[in-house]
N, C-alpha and C. Protein backbone atom coordinates (compact mmCIF):
# COMPACT_ATOMS: atom_id res chain seq x y z
N MET A 1 0.81 -1.18 0.02
CA MET A 1 0.00 -0.02 -0.03
C MET A 1 0.92 1.22 0.00
N SER A 2 0.57 2.17 -0.77
CA SER A 2 1.37 3.37 -0.96
C SER A 2 0.90 4.54 -0.26
N GLY A 3 0.05 4.45 0.68
CA GLY A 3 -0.49 5.61 1.45
C GLY A 3 -1.95 5.67 1.42
N ILE A 4 -2.44 6.48 2.33
CA ILE A 4 -3.93 6.61 2.50
C ILE A 4 -4.47 7.95 2.14
N CYS A 5 -3.57 8.87 1.60
CA CYS A 5 -3.94 10.32 1.40
C CYS A 5 -4.93 10.44 0.26
N SER A 6 -6.12 10.93 0.57
CA SER A 6 -7.09 11.12 -0.46
C SER A 6 -7.02 12.44 -1.14
N ILE A 7 -6.12 13.32 -0.72
CA ILE A 7 -5.77 14.61 -1.31
C ILE A 7 -4.81 14.43 -2.51
N HIS A 8 -3.72 13.66 -2.25
CA HIS A 8 -2.67 13.49 -3.13
C HIS A 8 -2.56 12.19 -4.00
N HIS A 9 -3.33 11.12 -3.55
CA HIS A 9 -3.25 9.86 -4.17
C HIS A 9 -4.57 9.68 -4.95
N PRO A 10 -4.74 9.17 -6.05
CA PRO A 10 -3.59 8.72 -6.91
C PRO A 10 -3.19 9.81 -7.90
N HIS A 11 -3.74 11.02 -7.91
CA HIS A 11 -3.49 11.96 -8.99
C HIS A 11 -2.13 12.52 -8.89
N LEU A 12 -1.56 12.88 -7.81
CA LEU A 12 -0.21 13.56 -7.79
C LEU A 12 0.93 12.65 -7.33
N GLY A 13 0.52 11.48 -6.72
CA GLY A 13 1.50 10.63 -6.18
C GLY A 13 1.85 11.13 -4.77
N PRO A 14 2.72 10.38 -4.04
CA PRO A 14 3.06 10.84 -2.62
C PRO A 14 3.71 12.22 -2.67
N VAL A 15 3.38 12.98 -1.74
CA VAL A 15 3.87 14.32 -1.60
C VAL A 15 4.85 14.31 -0.39
N GLU A 16 6.08 14.84 -0.54
CA GLU A 16 7.02 14.80 0.58
C GLU A 16 6.45 15.67 1.67
N GLY A 17 6.60 15.22 2.85
CA GLY A 17 6.13 15.94 4.03
C GLY A 17 4.70 15.64 4.40
N CYS A 18 3.93 14.98 3.65
CA CYS A 18 2.59 14.62 3.83
C CYS A 18 2.55 13.33 4.68
N ALA A 19 2.20 13.32 5.88
CA ALA A 19 2.18 12.05 6.70
C ALA A 19 1.22 11.06 6.13
N ASN A 20 0.06 11.51 5.60
CA ASN A 20 -0.96 10.52 5.17
C ASN A 20 -0.42 9.82 3.79
N CYS A 21 0.27 10.59 3.06
CA CYS A 21 0.87 10.00 1.77
C CYS A 21 1.74 8.80 2.06
N HIS A 22 2.40 8.83 3.21
CA HIS A 22 3.29 7.78 3.62
C HIS A 22 2.83 6.82 4.67
N ALA A 23 1.57 6.96 4.97
CA ALA A 23 1.01 6.13 6.03
C ALA A 23 0.58 4.76 5.51
N THR A 24 0.47 3.80 6.35
CA THR A 24 0.17 2.42 5.91
C THR A 24 -1.07 2.00 6.74
N LEU A 25 -1.69 0.87 6.40
CA LEU A 25 -2.77 0.31 7.21
C LEU A 25 -2.36 0.03 8.65
N GLY A 26 -1.12 -0.38 8.79
CA GLY A 26 -0.57 -0.66 10.09
C GLY A 26 -0.43 0.60 10.99
N ASP A 27 -0.26 1.69 10.25
CA ASP A 27 -0.22 3.00 11.10
C ASP A 27 -1.63 3.38 11.56
N LEU A 28 -2.65 3.10 10.84
CA LEU A 28 -4.04 3.30 11.13
C LEU A 28 -4.59 2.34 12.13
N LEU A 29 -4.46 0.98 11.79
CA LEU A 29 -5.24 0.00 12.58
C LEU A 29 -4.34 -0.74 13.51
N GLY A 30 -3.06 -0.51 13.42
CA GLY A 30 -2.09 -1.29 14.31
C GLY A 30 -1.64 -2.63 13.54
N GLU A 31 -0.41 -2.91 13.74
CA GLU A 31 0.21 -4.04 13.00
C GLU A 31 -0.46 -5.31 13.36
N THR A 32 -0.80 -5.44 14.67
CA THR A 32 -1.45 -6.82 15.05
C THR A 32 -2.81 -7.02 14.43
N THR A 33 -3.60 -5.93 14.20
CA THR A 33 -4.96 -6.07 13.56
C THR A 33 -4.69 -6.31 12.05
N VAL A 34 -3.70 -5.70 11.49
CA VAL A 34 -3.33 -6.00 9.98
C VAL A 34 -3.01 -7.43 9.76
N ALA A 35 -2.09 -7.91 10.75
CA ALA A 35 -1.67 -9.29 10.64
C ALA A 35 -2.90 -10.31 10.74
N ILE A 36 -3.73 -9.99 11.69
CA ILE A 36 -4.91 -10.90 11.83
C ILE A 36 -5.76 -10.83 10.60
N MET A 37 -6.02 -9.64 9.99
CA MET A 37 -6.82 -9.54 8.79
C MET A 37 -6.10 -10.27 7.56
N HIS A 38 -4.87 -10.15 7.56
CA HIS A 38 -4.12 -10.83 6.49
C HIS A 38 -4.22 -12.40 6.61
N ALA A 39 -4.12 -12.89 7.87
CA ALA A 39 -4.21 -14.28 8.11
C ALA A 39 -5.59 -14.77 7.76
N GLU A 40 -6.68 -14.06 7.98
CA GLU A 40 -8.11 -14.33 7.72
C GLU A 40 -8.24 -14.39 6.14
N ALA A 41 -7.56 -13.44 5.52
CA ALA A 41 -7.73 -13.41 4.02
C ALA A 41 -7.08 -14.54 3.46
N GLU A 42 -5.86 -14.94 3.89
CA GLU A 42 -5.18 -16.18 3.35
C GLU A 42 -5.97 -17.36 3.68
N ALA A 43 -6.54 -17.48 4.86
CA ALA A 43 -7.37 -18.77 5.18
C ALA A 43 -8.56 -18.84 4.22
N ALA A 44 -9.14 -17.71 3.86
CA ALA A 44 -10.25 -17.72 2.99
C ALA A 44 -9.99 -18.34 1.52
N GLY A 45 -8.67 -18.00 1.16
CA GLY A 45 -8.30 -18.51 -0.17
C GLY A 45 -8.36 -17.47 -1.29
N LEU A 46 -7.76 -17.76 -2.38
CA LEU A 46 -7.82 -16.80 -3.58
C LEU A 46 -8.87 -17.25 -4.50
N PHE A 47 -9.25 -16.29 -5.25
CA PHE A 47 -10.18 -16.47 -6.39
C PHE A 47 -9.76 -15.63 -7.61
N THR A 48 -9.81 -16.25 -8.76
CA THR A 48 -9.39 -15.49 -9.97
C THR A 48 -10.67 -15.09 -10.75
N CYS A 49 -10.83 -13.82 -10.97
CA CYS A 49 -12.00 -13.34 -11.65
C CYS A 49 -11.80 -13.53 -13.14
N ASP A 50 -12.90 -13.46 -13.86
CA ASP A 50 -12.98 -13.54 -15.32
C ASP A 50 -12.03 -12.46 -15.99
N CYS A 51 -11.88 -11.37 -15.29
CA CYS A 51 -11.03 -10.29 -15.81
C CYS A 51 -9.53 -10.60 -15.60
N GLY A 52 -9.23 -11.69 -14.85
CA GLY A 52 -7.94 -12.08 -14.61
C GLY A 52 -7.32 -11.59 -13.31
N PHE A 53 -8.01 -10.72 -12.59
CA PHE A 53 -7.52 -10.20 -11.33
C PHE A 53 -7.72 -11.30 -10.21
N GLU A 54 -6.70 -11.51 -9.46
CA GLU A 54 -6.72 -12.50 -8.30
C GLU A 54 -6.84 -11.77 -7.03
N TYR A 55 -7.96 -12.26 -6.23
CA TYR A 55 -8.23 -11.57 -4.95
C TYR A 55 -8.61 -12.59 -3.89
N TYR A 56 -8.55 -12.20 -2.70
CA TYR A 56 -8.97 -13.15 -1.55
C TYR A 56 -10.52 -13.12 -1.53
N LYS A 57 -11.07 -14.29 -1.15
CA LYS A 57 -12.40 -14.51 -1.03
C LYS A 57 -13.14 -13.90 0.17
N THR A 58 -12.51 -12.91 0.72
CA THR A 58 -13.07 -12.17 1.87
C THR A 58 -14.13 -11.08 1.32
N VAL A 59 -14.12 -10.85 0.05
CA VAL A 59 -15.10 -9.95 -0.51
C VAL A 59 -15.99 -10.75 -1.53
N ASP A 60 -17.07 -10.14 -1.82
CA ASP A 60 -18.11 -10.81 -2.77
C ASP A 60 -17.97 -10.32 -4.18
N ALA A 61 -17.16 -9.39 -4.47
CA ALA A 61 -17.02 -8.88 -5.81
C ALA A 61 -15.54 -8.55 -6.12
N CYS A 62 -15.19 -8.55 -7.38
CA CYS A 62 -13.87 -8.28 -7.79
C CYS A 62 -13.50 -6.71 -7.55
N PRO A 63 -12.39 -6.57 -6.79
CA PRO A 63 -12.06 -5.16 -6.57
C PRO A 63 -11.65 -4.41 -7.82
N LEU A 64 -11.25 -5.12 -8.89
CA LEU A 64 -10.81 -4.40 -10.04
C LEU A 64 -12.04 -4.04 -11.01
N CYS A 65 -12.86 -5.09 -11.32
CA CYS A 65 -13.98 -4.83 -12.28
C CYS A 65 -15.35 -4.81 -11.56
N GLU A 66 -15.41 -5.14 -10.32
CA GLU A 66 -16.69 -5.12 -9.57
C GLU A 66 -17.59 -6.21 -9.91
N LYS A 67 -17.21 -7.18 -10.76
CA LYS A 67 -18.12 -8.31 -10.99
C LYS A 67 -18.25 -9.17 -9.78
N GLU A 68 -19.54 -9.57 -9.44
CA GLU A 68 -19.85 -10.39 -8.30
C GLU A 68 -19.28 -11.78 -8.50
N ARG A 69 -18.70 -12.30 -7.34
CA ARG A 69 -18.21 -13.62 -7.39
C ARG A 69 -19.38 -14.62 -7.10
N LYS A 70 -19.47 -15.56 -8.00
CA LYS A 70 -20.46 -16.53 -7.81
C LYS A 70 -20.12 -17.54 -6.76
N ILE A 71 -20.96 -17.59 -5.72
CA ILE A 71 -20.69 -18.43 -4.52
C ILE A 71 -21.55 -19.71 -4.71
N ILE A 72 -20.83 -20.83 -4.84
CA ILE A 72 -21.52 -22.14 -4.96
C ILE A 72 -21.59 -22.88 -3.76
N LEU A 73 -22.77 -23.11 -3.22
CA LEU A 73 -22.87 -23.86 -1.91
C LEU A 73 -22.97 -25.33 -2.22
N PRO A 74 -22.36 -26.14 -1.24
CA PRO A 74 -22.47 -27.56 -1.51
C PRO A 74 -23.83 -28.19 -1.37
């Protein structure tokens, strides 16, 4: 992740001296929380969308093209 700044990203890129441009999820949520969220995402497994983007099954739609993931129940 390259920062959370909504003023400078993605239009201008990171701006020197802007704390938000250089912040990470760990800065906001804490490294422990981020590690837990990452472990949950890995446990859920990966899905490859028809558009070719690969993402974790923790969301119901592709973050790139927004196509809903078809969930097949046993």
